[in-house]
Amino acid sequence: MSCYELEALRLGLMNVLGTDDRSAREHAERELEGHLDGPVEALANATTLSDLRRHLDAALVDLESTVAATDDDDPAYDYLRGRLVAVRDAERAVGRLADQGESVLGGLGEAHDVLHETFPVDE
């Protein structure tokens, strides 16, 4: 079994961050071969942080449904639950990334304002 959501998230993050790591991309694509559909495909193709968060949420809903529909005596059950925990953790990490980005953006705005207060521009 593979962690399709995590590999798709890696691809999406590489898109969003502009990362050009050919070997990591090829590895993720191999892991996802035959499983690129629905939210996992959308997640792998995300190009913005907002899209990444939305598609990760949808993939998580699908995974939760799969876990709920799996009998607890199924050999895959424990793995699916572990995968669910890992994807929820990844969702929190992406949320932190978004929060940090917003913080940087706000800080740049404040720095810009302070610069203009310190050095007024006559127009």
PDB file of N, CA and C in Angstrom:
ATOM      1  N   MET A   1       0.841  -1.189   0.000  1.00  0.00           N
ATOM      2  CA  MET A   1       0.000   0.000   0.000  1.00  0.00           C
ATOM      3  C   MET A   1       0.880   1.243   0.000  1.00  0.00           C
ATOM      4  N   SER A   2       0.283   2.302  -0.439  1.00  0.00           N
ATOM      5  CA  SER A   2       1.032   3.552  -0.511  1.00  0.00           C
ATOM      6  C   SER A   2       0.210   4.673   0.116  1.00  0.00           C
ATOM      7  N   CYS A   3       0.880   5.706   0.474  1.00  0.00           N
ATOM      8  CA  CYS A   3       0.239   6.895   1.039  1.00  0.00           C
ATOM      9  C   CYS A   3      -0.025   7.877  -0.092  1.00  0.00           C
ATOM     10  N   TYR A   4      -1.062   7.614  -0.856  1.00  0.00           N
ATOM     11  CA  TYR A   4      -1.351   8.404  -2.052  1.00  0.00           C
ATOM     12  C   TYR A   4      -1.509   9.885  -1.737  1.00  0.00           C
ATOM     13  N   GLU A   5      -2.187  10.178  -0.632  1.00  0.00           N
ATOM     14  CA  GLU A   5      -2.415  11.577  -0.281  1.00  0.00           C
ATOM     15  C   GLU A   5      -1.105  12.303   0.006  1.00  0.00           C
ATOM     16  N   LEU A   6      -0.190  11.632   0.686  1.00  0.00           N
ATOM     17  CA  LEU A   6       1.086  12.270   1.017  1.00  0.00           C
ATOM     18  C   LEU A   6       1.953  12.474  -0.227  1.00  0.00           C
ATOM     19  N   GLU A   7       1.960  11.495  -1.111  1.00  0.00           N
ATOM     20  CA  GLU A   7       2.739  11.654  -2.346  1.00  0.00           C
ATOM     21  C   GLU A   7       2.134  12.746  -3.222  1.00  0.00           C
ATOM     22  N   ALA A   8       0.803  12.801  -3.287  1.00  0.00           N
ATOM     23  CA  ALA A   8       0.143  13.856  -4.061  1.00  0.00           C
ATOM     24  C   ALA A   8       0.415  15.221  -3.436  1.00  0.00           C
ATOM     25  N   LEU A   9       0.418  15.283  -2.108  1.00  0.00           N
ATOM     26  CA  LEU A   9       0.729  16.536  -1.421  1.00  0.00           C
ATOM     27  C   LEU A   9       2.163  16.970  -1.731  1.00  0.00           C
ATOM     28  N   ARG A  10       3.082  16.030  -1.762  1.00  0.00           N
ATOM     29  CA  ARG A  10       4.470  16.365  -2.105  1.00  0.00           C
ATOM     30  C   ARG A  10       4.542  16.975  -3.506  1.00  0.00           C
ATOM     31  N   LEU A  11       3.838  16.364  -4.459  1.00  0.00           N
ATOM     32  CA  LEU A  11       3.829  16.916  -5.817  1.00  0.00           C
ATOM     33  C   LEU A  11       3.217  18.310  -5.842  1.00  0.00           C
ATOM     34  N   GLY A  12       2.088  18.468  -5.159  1.00  0.00           N
ATOM     35  CA  GLY A  12       1.447  19.777  -5.113  1.00  0.00           C
ATOM     36  C   GLY A  12       2.331  20.827  -4.463  1.00  0.00           C
ATOM     37  N   LEU A  13       2.996  20.465  -3.381  1.00  0.00           N
ATOM     38  CA  LEU A  13       3.905  21.414  -2.728  1.00  0.00           C
ATOM     39  C   LEU A  13       5.076  21.771  -3.630  1.00  0.00           C
ATOM     40  N   MET A  14       5.573  20.790  -4.372  1.00  0.00           N
ATOM     41  CA  MET A  14       6.653  21.096  -5.318  1.00  0.00           C
ATOM     42  C   MET A  14       6.169  22.104  -6.352  1.00  0.00           C
ATOM     43  N   ASN A  15       4.922  21.961  -6.800  1.00  0.00           N
ATOM     44  CA  ASN A  15       4.351  22.929  -7.752  1.00  0.00           C
ATOM     45  C   ASN A  15       4.259  24.312  -7.119  1.00  0.00           C
ATOM     46  N   VAL A  16       3.690  24.364  -5.923  1.00  0.00           N
ATOM     47  CA  VAL A  16       3.460  25.640  -5.238  1.00  0.00           C
ATOM     48  C   VAL A  16       4.775  26.345  -4.933  1.00  0.00           C
ATOM     49  N   LEU A  17       5.766  25.593  -4.487  1.00  0.00           N
ATOM     50  CA  LEU A  17       7.047  26.178  -4.094  1.00  0.00           C
ATOM     51  C   LEU A  17       8.016  26.348  -5.260  1.00  0.00           C
ATOM     52  N   GLY A  18       7.668  25.804  -6.406  1.00  0.00           N
ATOM     53  CA  GLY A  18       8.554  25.907  -7.557  1.00  0.00           C
ATOM     54  C   GLY A  18       9.777  25.012  -7.435  1.00  0.00           C
ATOM     55  N   THR A  19       9.648  23.929  -6.701  1.00  0.00           N
ATOM     56  CA  THR A  19      10.758  23.001  -6.487  1.00  0.00           C
ATOM     57  C   THR A  19      10.960  22.139  -7.726  1.00  0.00           C
ATOM     58  N   ASP A  20      12.200  22.071  -8.170  1.00  0.00           N
ATOM     59  CA  ASP A  20      12.513  21.295  -9.367  1.00  0.00           C
ATOM     60  C   ASP A  20      13.420  20.131  -8.992  1.00  0.00           C
ATOM     61  N   ASP A  21      12.899  19.221  -8.187  1.00  0.00           N
ATOM     62  CA  ASP A  21      13.639  18.033  -7.776  1.00  0.00           C
ATOM     63  C   ASP A  21      13.104  16.862  -8.596  1.00  0.00           C
ATOM     64  N   ARG A  22      13.740  16.623  -9.726  1.00  0.00           N
ATOM     65  CA  ARG A  22      13.255  15.622 -10.687  1.00  0.00           C
ATOM     66  C   ARG A  22      13.127  14.250 -10.045  1.00  0.00           C
ATOM     67  N   SER A  23      14.091  13.826  -9.237  1.00  0.00           N
ATOM     68  CA  SER A  23      14.040  12.479  -8.654  1.00  0.00           C
ATOM     69  C   SER A  23      12.881  12.359  -7.654  1.00  0.00           C
ATOM     70  N   ALA A  24      12.653  13.372  -6.850  1.00  0.00           N
ATOM     71  CA  ALA A  24      11.528  13.336  -5.904  1.00  0.00           C
ATOM     72  C   ALA A  24      10.203  13.328  -6.656  1.00  0.00           C
ATOM     73  N   ARG A  25      10.121  14.123  -7.710  1.00  0.00           N
ATOM     74  CA  ARG A  25       8.898  14.169  -8.518  1.00  0.00           C
ATOM     75  C   ARG A  25       8.630  12.810  -9.177  1.00  0.00           C
ATOM     76  N   GLU A  26       9.666  12.221  -9.757  1.00  0.00           N
ATOM     77  CA  GLU A  26       9.502  10.921 -10.417  1.00  0.00           C
ATOM     78  C   GLU A  26       9.110   9.837  -9.422  1.00  0.00           C
ATOM     79  N   HIS A  27       9.702   9.879  -8.222  1.00  0.00           N
ATOM     80  CA  HIS A  27       9.342   8.905  -7.190  1.00  0.00           C
ATOM     81  C   HIS A  27       7.864   9.029  -6.835  1.00  0.00           C
ATOM     82  N   ALA A  28       7.407  10.241  -6.596  1.00  0.00           N
ATOM     83  CA  ALA A  28       6.003  10.458  -6.235  1.00  0.00           C
ATOM     84  C   ALA A  28       5.084  10.031  -7.373  1.00  0.00           C
ATOM     85  N   GLU A  29       5.461  10.342  -8.594  1.00  0.00           N
ATOM     86  CA  GLU A  29       4.638   9.957  -9.748  1.00  0.00           C
ATOM     87  C   GLU A  29       4.545   8.439  -9.873  1.00  0.00           C
ATOM     88  N   ARG A  30       5.641   7.737  -9.610  1.00  0.00           N
ATOM     89  CA  ARG A  30       5.612   6.263  -9.646  1.00  0.00           C
ATOM     90  C   ARG A  30       4.683   5.724  -8.563  1.00  0.00           C
ATOM     91  N   GLU A  31       4.762   6.296  -7.371  1.00  0.00           N
ATOM     92  CA  GLU A  31       3.903   5.852  -6.268  1.00  0.00           C
ATOM     93  C   GLU A  31       2.419   6.046  -6.594  1.00  0.00           C
ATOM     94  N   LEU A  32       2.128   7.093  -7.346  1.00  0.00           N
ATOM     95  CA  LEU A  32       0.737   7.439  -7.654  1.00  0.00           C
ATOM     96  C   LEU A  32       0.214   6.799  -8.934  1.00  0.00           C
ATOM     97  N   GLU A  33       1.083   6.101  -9.663  1.00  0.00           N
ATOM     98  CA  GLU A  33       0.686   5.517 -10.934  1.00  0.00           C
ATOM     99  C   GLU A  33      -0.577   4.674 -10.758  1.00  0.00           C
ATOM    100  N   GLY A  34      -1.591   4.993 -11.562  1.00  0.00           N
ATOM    101  CA  GLY A  34      -2.858   4.282 -11.508  1.00  0.00           C
ATOM    102  C   GLY A  34      -3.803   4.771 -10.426  1.00  0.00           C
ATOM    103  N   HIS A  35      -3.396   5.757  -9.640  1.00  0.00           N
ATOM    104  CA  HIS A  35      -4.224   6.246  -8.534  1.00  0.00           C
ATOM    105  C   HIS A  35      -4.482   7.740  -8.625  1.00  0.00           C
ATOM    106  N   LEU A  36      -4.221   8.313  -9.778  1.00  0.00           N
ATOM    107  CA  LEU A  36      -4.448   9.751  -9.951  1.00  0.00           C
ATOM    108  C   LEU A  36      -5.871   9.987 -10.451  1.00  0.00           C
ATOM    109  N   ASP A  37      -6.742  10.179  -9.494  1.00  0.00           N
ATOM    110  CA  ASP A  37      -8.113  10.552  -9.811  1.00  0.00           C
ATOM    111  C   ASP A  37      -8.706  11.281  -8.611  1.00  0.00           C
ATOM    112  N   GLY A  38      -9.766  11.997  -8.826  1.00  0.00           N
ATOM    113  CA  GLY A  38     -10.447  12.710  -7.758  1.00  0.00           C
ATOM    114  C   GLY A  38      -9.551  13.685  -7.020  1.00  0.00           C
ATOM    115  N   PRO A  39      -9.749  13.789  -5.705  1.00  0.00           N
ATOM    116  CA  PRO A  39      -8.971  14.749  -4.914  1.00  0.00           C
ATOM    117  C   PRO A  39      -7.475  14.496  -4.923  1.00  0.00           C
ATOM    118  N   VAL A  40      -7.051  13.242  -5.045  1.00  0.00           N
ATOM    119  CA  VAL A  40      -5.617  12.939  -5.070  1.00  0.00           C
ATOM    120  C   VAL A  40      -4.991  13.544  -6.327  1.00  0.00           C
ATOM    121  N   GLU A  41      -5.658  13.419  -7.461  1.00  0.00           N
ATOM    122  CA  GLU A  41      -5.146  14.014  -8.694  1.00  0.00           C
ATOM    123  C   GLU A  41      -5.126  15.538  -8.592  1.00  0.00           C
ATOM    124  N   ALA A  42      -6.221  16.110  -8.073  1.00  0.00           N
ATOM    125  CA  ALA A  42      -6.286  17.565  -7.922  1.00  0.00           C
ATOM    126  C   ALA A  42      -5.192  18.058  -6.978  1.00  0.00           C
ATOM    127  N   LEU A  43      -4.935  17.311  -5.919  1.00  0.00           N
ATOM    128  CA  LEU A  43      -3.889  17.662  -4.961  1.00  0.00           C
ATOM    129  C   LEU A  43      -2.514  17.637  -5.627  1.00  0.00           C
ATOM    130  N   ALA A  44      -2.251  16.625  -6.413  1.00  0.00           N
ATOM    131  CA  ALA A  44      -0.961  16.507  -7.097  1.00  0.00           C
ATOM    132  C   ALA A  44      -0.753  17.634  -8.105  1.00  0.00           C
ATOM    133  N   ASN A  45      -1.839  18.172  -8.641  1.00  0.00           N
ATOM    134  CA  ASN A  45      -1.749  19.215  -9.668  1.00  0.00           C
ATOM    135  C   ASN A  45      -1.965  20.624  -9.123  1.00  0.00           C
ATOM    136  N   ALA A  46      -2.104  20.768  -7.816  1.00  0.00           N
ATOM    137  CA  ALA A  46      -2.351  22.084  -7.215  1.00  0.00           C
ATOM    138  C   ALA A  46      -1.201  23.037  -7.534  1.00  0.00           C
ATOM    139  N   THR A  47      -1.566  24.300  -7.754  1.00  0.00           N
ATOM    140  CA  THR A  47      -0.546  25.306  -8.063  1.00  0.00           C
ATOM    141  C   THR A  47      -0.571  26.484  -7.094  1.00  0.00           C
ATOM    142  N   THR A  48      -1.541  26.506  -6.192  1.00  0.00           N
ATOM    143  CA  THR A  48      -1.597  27.552  -5.178  1.00  0.00           C
ATOM    144  C   THR A  48      -1.769  26.905  -3.814  1.00  0.00           C
ATOM    145  N   LEU A  49      -1.396  27.611  -2.790  1.00  0.00           N
ATOM    146  CA  LEU A  49      -1.544  27.103  -1.427  1.00  0.00           C
ATOM    147  C   LEU A  49      -3.020  26.904  -1.084  1.00  0.00           C
ATOM    148  N   SER A  50      -3.859  27.796  -1.557  1.00  0.00           N
ATOM    149  CA  SER A  50      -5.292  27.676  -1.326  1.00  0.00           C
ATOM    150  C   SER A  50      -5.846  26.403  -1.964  1.00  0.00           C
ATOM    151  N   ASP A  51      -5.446  26.142  -3.211  1.00  0.00           N
ATOM    152  CA  ASP A  51      -5.876  24.906  -3.884  1.00  0.00           C
ATOM    153  C   ASP A  51      -5.352  23.687  -3.144  1.00  0.00           C
ATOM    154  N   LEU A  52      -4.122  23.752  -2.710  1.00  0.00           N
ATOM    155  CA  LEU A  52      -3.506  22.653  -1.985  1.00  0.00           C
ATOM    156  C   LEU A  52      -4.318  22.317  -0.736  1.00  0.00           C
ATOM    157  N   ARG A  53      -4.680  23.324   0.023  1.00  0.00           N
ATOM    158  CA  ARG A  53      -5.452  23.112   1.252  1.00  0.00           C
ATOM    159  C   ARG A  53      -6.826  22.525   0.949  1.00  0.00           C
ATOM    160  N   ARG A  54      -7.479  23.055  -0.084  1.00  0.00           N
ATOM    161  CA  ARG A  54      -8.822  22.592  -0.437  1.00  0.00           C
ATOM    162  C   ARG A  54      -8.787  21.131  -0.892  1.00  0.00           C
ATOM    163  N   HIS A  55      -7.852  20.791  -1.755  1.00  0.00           N
ATOM    164  CA  HIS A  55      -7.787  19.425  -2.274  1.00  0.00           C
ATOM    165  C   HIS A  55      -7.299  18.436  -1.211  1.00  0.00           C
ATOM    166  N   LEU A  56      -6.436  18.884  -0.318  1.00  0.00           N
ATOM    167  CA  LEU A  56      -6.003  18.023   0.779  1.00  0.00           C
ATOM    168  C   LEU A  56      -7.183  17.713   1.693  1.00  0.00           C
ATOM    169  N   ASP A  57      -8.014  18.706   1.944  1.00  0.00           N
ATOM    170  CA  ASP A  57      -9.200  18.490   2.761  1.00  0.00           C
ATOM    171  C   ASP A  57     -10.130  17.461   2.104  1.00  0.00           C
ATOM    172  N   ALA A  58     -10.330  17.588   0.785  1.00  0.00           N
ATOM    173  CA  ALA A  58     -11.186  16.641   0.072  1.00  0.00           C
ATOM    174  C   ALA A  58     -10.600  15.229   0.092  1.00  0.00           C
ATOM    175  N   ALA A  59      -9.283  15.123  -0.066  1.00  0.00           N
ATOM    176  CA  ALA A  59      -8.625  13.817  -0.018  1.00  0.00           C
ATOM    177  C   ALA A  59      -8.754  13.206   1.372  1.00  0.00           C
ATOM    178  N   LEU A  60      -8.683  14.041   2.379  1.00  0.00           N
ATOM    179  CA  LEU A  60      -8.827  13.576   3.754  1.00  0.00           C
ATOM    180  C   LEU A  60     -10.239  13.055   4.005  1.00  0.00           C
ATOM    181  N   VAL A  61     -11.238  13.730   3.478  1.00  0.00           N
ATOM    182  CA  VAL A  61     -12.630  13.268   3.614  1.00  0.00           C
ATOM    183  C   VAL A  61     -12.786  11.892   2.962  1.00  0.00           C
ATOM    184  N   ASP A  62     -12.211  11.723   1.766  1.00  0.00           N
ATOM    185  CA  ASP A  62     -12.274  10.420   1.097  1.00  0.00           C
ATOM    186  C   ASP A  62     -11.584   9.337   1.920  1.00  0.00           C
ATOM    187  N   LEU A  63     -10.423   9.655   2.472  1.00  0.00           N
ATOM    188  CA  LEU A  63      -9.686   8.683   3.275  1.00  0.00           C
ATOM    189  C   LEU A  63     -10.473   8.329   4.545  1.00  0.00           C
ATOM    190  N   GLU A  64     -11.073   9.325   5.178  1.00  0.00           N
ATOM    191  CA  GLU A  64     -11.899   9.056   6.359  1.00  0.00           C
ATOM    192  C   GLU A  64     -13.049   8.123   6.016  1.00  0.00           C
ATOM    193  N   SER A  65     -13.658   8.318   4.855  1.00  0.00           N
ATOM    194  CA  SER A  65     -14.748   7.441   4.408  1.00  0.00           C
ATOM    195  C   SER A  65     -14.252   6.015   4.197  1.00  0.00           C
ATOM    196  N   THR A  66     -13.056   5.887   3.629  1.00  0.00           N
ATOM    197  CA  THR A  66     -12.476   4.563   3.405  1.00  0.00           C
ATOM    198  C   THR A  66     -12.220   3.865   4.729  1.00  0.00           C
ATOM    199  N   VAL A  67     -11.666   4.593   5.689  1.00  0.00           N
ATOM    200  CA  VAL A  67     -11.397   4.013   7.004  1.00  0.00           C
ATOM    201  C   VAL A  67     -12.708   3.593   7.671  1.00  0.00           C
ATOM    202  N   ALA A  68     -13.714   4.437   7.599  1.00  0.00           N
ATOM    203  CA  ALA A  68     -15.005   4.134   8.224  1.00  0.00           C
ATOM    204  C   ALA A  68     -15.666   2.909   7.595  1.00  0.00           C
ATOM    205  N   ALA A  69     -15.435   2.675   6.311  1.00  0.00           N
ATOM    206  CA  ALA A  69     -16.058   1.555   5.605  1.00  0.00           C
ATOM    207  C   ALA A  69     -15.254   0.259   5.720  1.00  0.00           C
ATOM    208  N   THR A  70     -14.076   0.319   6.327  1.00  0.00           N
ATOM    209  CA  THR A  70     -13.209  -0.854   6.442  1.00  0.00           C
ATOM    210  C   THR A  70     -13.448  -1.542   7.778  1.00  0.00           C
ATOM    211  N   ASP A  71     -13.654  -2.856   7.737  1.00  0.00           N
ATOM    212  CA  ASP A  71     -13.829  -3.628   8.975  1.00  0.00           C
ATOM    213  C   ASP A  71     -12.550  -3.592   9.789  1.00  0.00           C
ATOM    214  N   ASP A  72     -12.701  -3.505  11.111  1.00  0.00           N
ATOM    215  CA  ASP A  72     -11.509  -3.414  11.959  1.00  0.00           C
ATOM    216  C   ASP A  72     -10.700  -4.704  12.008  1.00  0.00           C
ATOM    217  N   ASP A  73     -11.233  -5.793  11.460  1.00  0.00           N
ATOM    218  CA  ASP A  73     -10.442  -7.026  11.383  1.00  0.00           C
ATOM    219  C   ASP A  73      -9.791  -7.210  10.005  1.00  0.00           C
ATOM    220  N   ASP A  74     -10.001  -6.249   9.137  1.00  0.00           N
ATOM    221  CA  ASP A  74      -9.353  -6.261   7.824  1.00  0.00           C
ATOM    222  C   ASP A  74      -7.858  -6.019   8.032  1.00  0.00           C
ATOM    223  N   PRO A  75      -6.987  -6.775   7.359  1.00  0.00           N
ATOM    224  CA  PRO A  75      -5.534  -6.590   7.523  1.00  0.00           C
ATOM    225  C   PRO A  75      -5.062  -5.175   7.182  1.00  0.00           C
ATOM    226  N   ALA A  76      -5.793  -4.464   6.361  1.00  0.00           N
ATOM    227  CA  ALA A  76      -5.385  -3.109   5.960  1.00  0.00           C
ATOM    228  C   ALA A  76      -5.871  -2.040   6.924  1.00  0.00           C
ATOM    229  N   TYR A  77      -6.720  -2.407   7.867  1.00  0.00           N
ATOM    230  CA  TYR A  77      -7.358  -1.415   8.734  1.00  0.00           C
ATOM    231  C   TYR A  77      -6.354  -0.568   9.521  1.00  0.00           C
ATOM    232  N   ASP A  78      -5.411  -1.199  10.184  1.00  0.00           N
ATOM    233  CA  ASP A  78      -4.447  -0.443  10.988  1.00  0.00           C
ATOM    234  C   ASP A  78      -3.606   0.486  10.123  1.00  0.00           C
ATOM    235  N   TYR A  79      -3.203   0.000   8.951  1.00  0.00           N
ATOM    236  CA  TYR A  79      -2.446   0.848   8.045  1.00  0.00           C
ATOM    237  C   TYR A  79      -3.275   2.057   7.619  1.00  0.00           C
ATOM    238  N   LEU A  80      -4.532   1.834   7.268  1.00  0.00           N
ATOM    239  CA  LEU A  80      -5.402   2.939   6.854  1.00  0.00           C
ATOM    240  C   LEU A  80      -5.552   3.966   7.969  1.00  0.00           C
ATOM    241  N   ARG A  81      -5.694   3.501   9.196  1.00  0.00           N
ATOM    242  CA  ARG A  81      -5.795   4.431  10.325  1.00  0.00           C
ATOM    243  C   ARG A  81      -4.497   5.209  10.504  1.00  0.00           C
ATOM    244  N   GLY A  82      -3.361   4.544  10.355  1.00  0.00           N
ATOM    245  CA  GLY A  82      -2.075   5.230  10.432  1.00  0.00           C
ATOM    246  C   GLY A  82      -1.934   6.260   9.325  1.00  0.00           C
ATOM    247  N   ARG A  83      -2.383   5.890   8.145  1.00  0.00           N
ATOM    248  CA  ARG A  83      -2.350   6.818   7.018  1.00  0.00           C
ATOM    249  C   ARG A  83      -3.223   8.037   7.300  1.00  0.00           C
ATOM    250  N   LEU A  84      -4.364   7.810   7.915  1.00  0.00           N
ATOM    251  CA  LEU A  84      -5.261   8.906   8.279  1.00  0.00           C
ATOM    252  C   LEU A  84      -4.582   9.863   9.252  1.00  0.00           C
ATOM    253  N   VAL A  85      -3.902   9.328  10.237  1.00  0.00           N
ATOM    254  CA  VAL A  85      -3.175  10.165  11.201  1.00  0.00           C
ATOM    255  C   VAL A  85      -2.094  10.978  10.488  1.00  0.00           C
ATOM    256  N   ALA A  86      -1.356  10.339   9.587  1.00  0.00           N
ATOM    257  CA  ALA A  86      -0.285  11.027   8.866  1.00  0.00           C
ATOM    258  C   ALA A  86      -0.838  12.144   7.982  1.00  0.00           C
ATOM    259  N   VAL A  87      -1.963  11.897   7.334  1.00  0.00           N
ATOM    260  CA  VAL A  87      -2.539  12.917   6.449  1.00  0.00           C
ATOM    261  C   VAL A  87      -3.119  14.067   7.275  1.00  0.00           C
ATOM    262  N   ARG A  88      -3.719  13.766   8.404  1.00  0.00           N
ATOM    263  CA  ARG A  88      -4.197  14.847   9.290  1.00  0.00           C
ATOM    264  C   ARG A  88      -3.026  15.698   9.771  1.00  0.00           C
ATOM    265  N   ASP A  89      -1.910  15.052  10.098  1.00  0.00           N
ATOM    266  CA  ASP A  89      -0.723  15.788  10.513  1.00  0.00           C
ATOM    267  C   ASP A  89      -0.213  16.663   9.369  1.00  0.00           C
ATOM    268  N   ALA A  90      -0.228  16.133   8.165  1.00  0.00           N
ATOM    269  CA  ALA A  90       0.196  16.909   6.989  1.00  0.00           C
ATOM    270  C   ALA A  90      -0.730  18.101   6.782  1.00  0.00           C
ATOM    271  N   GLU A  91      -2.012  17.910   7.038  1.00  0.00           N
ATOM    272  CA  GLU A  91      -2.968  19.014   6.903  1.00  0.00           C
ATOM    273  C   GLU A  91      -2.626  20.145   7.876  1.00  0.00           C
ATOM    274  N   ARG A  92      -2.263  19.787   9.090  1.00  0.00           N
ATOM    275  CA  ARG A  92      -1.852  20.807  10.071  1.00  0.00           C
ATOM    276  C   ARG A  92      -0.568  21.498   9.629  1.00  0.00           C
ATOM    277  N   ALA A  93       0.363  20.744   9.065  1.00  0.00           N
ATOM    278  CA  ALA A  93       1.621  21.333   8.592  1.00  0.00           C
ATOM    279  C   ALA A  93       1.365  22.331   7.466  1.00  0.00           C
ATOM    280  N   VAL A  94       0.475  21.987   6.554  1.00  0.00           N
ATOM    281  CA  VAL A  94       0.135  22.909   5.459  1.00  0.00           C
ATOM    282  C   VAL A  94      -0.553  24.147   6.023  1.00  0.00           C
ATOM    283  N   GLY A  95      -1.373  23.969   7.038  1.00  0.00           N
ATOM    284  CA  GLY A  95      -2.003  25.121   7.702  1.00  0.00           C
ATOM    285  C   GLY A  95      -0.966  26.039   8.325  1.00  0.00           C
ATOM    286  N   ARG A  96       0.053  25.443   8.954  1.00  0.00           N
ATOM    287  CA  ARG A  96       1.129  26.258   9.531  1.00  0.00           C
ATOM    288  C   ARG A  96       1.889  27.001   8.444  1.00  0.00           C
ATOM    289  N   LEU A  97       2.111  26.337   7.327  1.00  0.00           N
ATOM    290  CA  LEU A  97       2.789  26.980   6.199  1.00  0.00           C
ATOM    291  C   LEU A  97       1.990  28.186   5.715  1.00  0.00           C
ATOM    292  N   ALA A  98       0.689  28.030   5.601  1.00  0.00           N
ATOM    293  CA  ALA A  98      -0.172  29.139   5.174  1.00  0.00           C
ATOM    294  C   ALA A  98      -0.139  30.273   6.197  1.00  0.00           C
ATOM    295  N   ASP A  99      -0.206  29.921   7.478  1.00  0.00           N
ATOM    296  CA  ASP A  99      -0.164  30.947   8.529  1.00  0.00           C
ATOM    297  C   ASP A  99       1.161  31.700   8.500  1.00  0.00           C
ATOM    298  N   GLN A 100       2.256  30.978   8.328  1.00  0.00           N
ATOM    299  CA  GLN A 100       3.569  31.621   8.270  1.00  0.00           C
ATOM    300  C   GLN A 100       3.680  32.537   7.062  1.00  0.00           C
ATOM    301  N   GLY A 101       3.134  32.098   5.933  1.00  0.00           N
ATOM    302  CA  GLY A 101       3.141  32.936   4.735  1.00  0.00           C
ATOM    303  C   GLY A 101       2.357  34.214   4.955  1.00  0.00           C
ATOM    304  N   GLU A 102       1.208  34.115   5.594  1.00  0.00           N
ATOM    305  CA  GLU A 102       0.402  35.298   5.896  1.00  0.00           C
ATOM    306  C   GLU A 102       1.150  36.225   6.855  1.00  0.00           C
ATOM    307  N   SER A 103       1.870  35.638   7.807  1.00  0.00           N
ATOM    308  CA  SER A 103       2.655  36.434   8.747  1.00  0.00           C
ATOM    309  C   SER A 103       3.769  37.195   8.027  1.00  0.00           C
ATOM    310  N   VAL A 104       4.458  36.525   7.112  1.00  0.00           N
ATOM    311  CA  VAL A 104       5.510  37.185   6.334  1.00  0.00           C
ATOM    312  C   VAL A 104       4.908  38.317   5.513  1.00  0.00           C
ATOM    313  N   LEU A 105       3.782  38.057   4.882  1.00  0.00           N
ATOM    314  CA  LEU A 105       3.109  39.072   4.080  1.00  0.00           C
ATOM    315  C   LEU A 105       2.737  40.288   4.931  1.00  0.00           C
ATOM    316  N   GLY A 106       2.165  40.034   6.103  1.00  0.00           N
ATOM    317  CA  GLY A 106       1.818  41.132   7.009  1.00  0.00           C
ATOM    318  C   GLY A 106       3.040  41.902   7.468  1.00  0.00           C
ATOM    319  N   GLY A 107       4.109  41.191   7.761  1.00  0.00           N
ATOM    320  CA  GLY A 107       5.358  41.837   8.183  1.00  0.00           C
ATOM    321  C   GLY A 107       5.944  42.722   7.101  1.00  0.00           C
ATOM    322  N   LEU A 108       5.855  42.290   5.868  1.00  0.00           N
ATOM    323  CA  LEU A 108       6.337  43.110   4.758  1.00  0.00           C
ATOM    324  C   LEU A 108       5.516  44.383   4.623  1.00  0.00           C
ATOM    325  N   GLY A 109       4.211  44.273   4.836  1.00  0.00           N
ATOM    326  CA  GLY A 109       3.347  45.460   4.790  1.00  0.00           C
ATOM    327  C   GLY A 109       3.708  46.439   5.890  1.00  0.00           C
ATOM    328  N   GLU A 110       3.947  45.910   7.087  1.00  0.00           N
ATOM    329  CA  GLU A 110       4.336  46.769   8.212  1.00  0.00           C
ATOM    330  C   GLU A 110       5.686  47.432   7.944  1.00  0.00           C
ATOM    331  N   ALA A 111       6.638  46.681   7.409  1.00  0.00           N
ATOM    332  CA  ALA A 111       7.953  47.245   7.102  1.00  0.00           C
ATOM    333  C   ALA A 111       7.822  48.362   6.068  1.00  0.00           C
ATOM    334  N   HIS A 112       6.957  48.155   5.097  1.00  0.00           N
ATOM    335  CA  HIS A 112       6.722  49.163   4.070  1.00  0.00           C
ATOM    336  C   HIS A 112       6.151  50.438   4.693  1.00  0.00           C
ATOM    337  N   ASP A 113       5.172  50.276   5.586  1.00  0.00           N
ATOM    338  CA  ASP A 113       4.567  51.429   6.253  1.00  0.00           C
ATOM    339  C   ASP A 113       5.596  52.184   7.104  1.00  0.00           C
ATOM    340  N   VAL A 114       6.407  51.457   7.865  1.00  0.00           N
ATOM    341  CA  VAL A 114       7.430  52.079   8.707  1.00  0.00           C
ATOM    342  C   VAL A 114       8.442  52.827   7.849  1.00  0.00           C
ATOM    343  N   LEU A 115       8.826  52.268   6.736  1.00  0.00           N
ATOM    344  CA  LEU A 115       9.772  52.920   5.838  1.00  0.00           C
ATOM    345  C   LEU A 115       9.214  54.261   5.353  1.00  0.00           C
ATOM    346  N   HIS A 116       7.928  54.260   4.975  1.00  0.00           N
ATOM    347  CA  HIS A 116       7.324  55.517   4.496  1.00  0.00           C
ATOM    348  C   HIS A 116       7.102  56.525   5.625  1.00  0.00           C
ATOM    349  N   GLU A 117       6.862  56.018   6.845  1.00  0.00           N
ATOM    350  CA  GLU A 117       6.713  56.931   7.985  1.00  0.00           C
ATOM    351  C   GLU A 117       8.068  57.572   8.315  1.00  0.00           C
ATOM    352  N   THR A 118       9.124  56.786   8.216  1.00  0.00           N
ATOM    353  CA  THR A 118      10.459  57.267   8.531  1.00  0.00           C
ATOM    354  C   THR A 118      11.010  58.196   7.440  1.00  0.00           C
ATOM    355  N   PHE A 119      10.723  57.863   6.214  1.00  0.00           N
ATOM    356  CA  PHE A 119      11.209  58.619   5.066  1.00  0.00           C
ATOM    357  C   PHE A 119      10.024  59.006   4.196  1.00  0.00           C
ATOM    358  N   PRO A 120       9.283  60.043   4.602  1.00  0.00           N
ATOM    359  CA  PRO A 120       8.105  60.452   3.824  1.00  0.00           C
ATOM    360  C   PRO A 120       8.493  60.837   2.393  1.00  0.00           C
ATOM    361  N   VAL A 121       7.610  60.528   1.496  1.00  0.00           N
ATOM    362  CA  VAL A 121       7.825  60.835   0.094  1.00  0.00           C
ATOM    363  C   VAL A 121       6.921  62.006  -0.264  1.00  0.00           C
ATOM    364  N   ASP A 122       7.517  63.072  -0.765  1.00  0.00           N
ATOM    365  CA  ASP A 122       6.733  64.237  -1.201  1.00  0.00           C
ATOM    366  C   ASP A 122       6.307  63.984  -2.646  1.00  0.00           C
ATOM    367  N   GLU A 123       5.020  64.128  -2.876  1.00  0.00           N
ATOM    368  CA  GLU A 123       4.539  63.942  -4.245  1.00  0.00           C
ATOM    369  C   GLU A 123       3.929  65.196  -4.767  1.00  0.00           C
TER     370      GLU A 123
END
